[in-house]
Amino acid sequence: MATRGTKVERRSVNSNQDYEIEYEAQKLNTSPEKIREAKKATGSNQRKDIEKAARHKH
């Protein structure tokens, strides 16, 4: 049962954790601010949605 929470956690980006924003920014070769903008624009915490929006803005 404990692994389910871990898997769910990996699919989302927590804005309160700077290292998660930094990781996504480095992964997509963009700025942390662009990741925050993409997260806000999508209204989602899902990593796949944020990455898709950030790529289109890039």
C-alpha atoms as a PDB file:
ATOM      1  CA  MET A   1       0.000   0.000   0.000  1.00  0.00           C
ATOM      2  CA  ALA A   2       2.894   2.365   0.674  1.00  0.00           C
ATOM      3  CA  THR A   3       4.163   2.138  -2.904  1.00  0.00           C
ATOM      4  CA  ARG A   4       0.966   3.586  -4.337  1.00  0.00           C
ATOM      5  CA  GLY A   5       1.609   6.959  -2.725  1.00  0.00           C
ATOM      6  CA  THR A   6       5.131   6.985  -4.099  1.00  0.00           C
ATOM      7  CA  LYS A   7       3.984   6.272  -7.645  1.00  0.00           C
ATOM      8  CA  VAL A   8       1.326   8.960  -7.496  1.00  0.00           C
ATOM      9  CA  GLU A   9       3.878  11.405  -6.095  1.00  0.00           C
ATOM     10  CA  ARG A  10       6.238  10.837  -9.028  1.00  0.00           C
ATOM     11  CA  ARG A  11       3.578  11.846 -11.524  1.00  0.00           C
ATOM     12  CA  SER A  12       3.050  15.269  -9.991  1.00  0.00           C
ATOM     13  CA  VAL A  13       5.096  18.425  -9.442  1.00  0.00           C
ATOM     14  CA  ASN A  14       4.837  20.168  -6.098  1.00  0.00           C
ATOM     15  CA  SER A  15       5.281  23.944  -6.470  1.00  0.00           C
ATOM     16  CA  ASN A  16       6.269  24.251  -2.839  1.00  0.00           C
ATOM     17  CA  GLN A  17       9.349  22.120  -3.454  1.00  0.00           C
ATOM     18  CA  ASP A  18      11.947  24.199  -5.313  1.00  0.00           C
ATOM     19  CA  TYR A  19      13.989  21.118  -6.192  1.00  0.00           C
ATOM     20  CA  GLU A  20      11.057  19.645  -8.139  1.00  0.00           C
ATOM     21  CA  ILE A  21      10.683  22.838 -10.175  1.00  0.00           C
ATOM     22  CA  GLU A  22      14.472  22.945 -10.731  1.00  0.00           C
ATOM     23  CA  TYR A  23      14.497  19.301 -11.841  1.00  0.00           C
ATOM     24  CA  GLU A  24      11.784  19.900 -14.429  1.00  0.00           C
ATOM     25  CA  ALA A  25      13.517  23.053 -15.669  1.00  0.00           C
ATOM     26  CA  GLN A  26      16.825  21.224 -16.148  1.00  0.00           C
ATOM     27  CA  LYS A  27      15.090  18.263 -17.752  1.00  0.00           C
ATOM     28  CA  LEU A  28      13.409  20.512 -20.330  1.00  0.00           C
ATOM     29  CA  ASN A  29      16.348  22.915 -20.651  1.00  0.00           C
ATOM     30  CA  THR A  30      14.289  25.916 -19.595  1.00  0.00           C
ATOM     31  CA  SER A  31      13.937  28.256 -16.632  1.00  0.00           C
ATOM     32  CA  PRO A  32      12.122  27.465 -13.391  1.00  0.00           C
ATOM     33  CA  GLU A  33       9.860  30.432 -14.085  1.00  0.00           C
ATOM     34  CA  LYS A  34       8.684  28.824 -17.353  1.00  0.00           C
ATOM     35  CA  ILE A  35       7.812  25.663 -15.417  1.00  0.00           C
ATOM     36  CA  ARG A  36       5.820  27.670 -12.894  1.00  0.00           C
ATOM     37  CA  GLU A  37       4.021  29.490 -15.736  1.00  0.00           C
ATOM     38  CA  ALA A  38       3.221  26.188 -17.453  1.00  0.00           C
ATOM     39  CA  LYS A  39       1.937  24.755 -14.182  1.00  0.00           C
ATOM     40  CA  LYS A  40      -0.281  27.759 -13.621  1.00  0.00           C
ATOM     41  CA  ALA A  41      -1.512  27.772 -17.235  1.00  0.00           C
ATOM     42  CA  THR A  42      -2.514  24.111 -17.141  1.00  0.00           C
ATOM     43  CA  GLY A  43      -4.026  24.288 -13.673  1.00  0.00           C
ATOM     44  CA  SER A  44      -2.611  20.833 -13.125  1.00  0.00           C
ATOM     45  CA  ASN A  45       0.044  19.232 -10.951  1.00  0.00           C
ATOM     46  CA  GLN A  46       0.522  16.375 -13.395  1.00  0.00           C
ATOM     47  CA  ARG A  47       4.088  16.192 -14.684  1.00  0.00           C
ATOM     48  CA  LYS A  48       3.030  15.171 -18.224  1.00  0.00           C
ATOM     49  CA  ASP A  49       0.666  18.159 -18.564  1.00  0.00           C
ATOM     50  CA  ILE A  50       3.268  20.623 -17.286  1.00  0.00           C
ATOM     51  CA  GLU A  51       5.984  19.223 -19.562  1.00  0.00           C
ATOM     52  CA  LYS A  52       3.685  19.425 -22.581  1.00  0.00           C
ATOM     53  CA  ALA A  53       2.752  23.050 -21.847  1.00  0.00           C
ATOM     54  CA  ALA A  54       6.377  24.029 -21.137  1.00  0.00           C
ATOM     55  CA  ARG A  55       7.562  22.504 -24.425  1.00  0.00           C
ATOM     56  CA  HIS A  56       4.998  24.505 -26.378  1.00  0.00           C
ATOM     57  CA  LYS A  57       6.035  27.738 -24.658  1.00  0.00           C
ATOM     58  CA  HIS A  58       9.715  26.975 -25.189  1.00  0.00           C
END
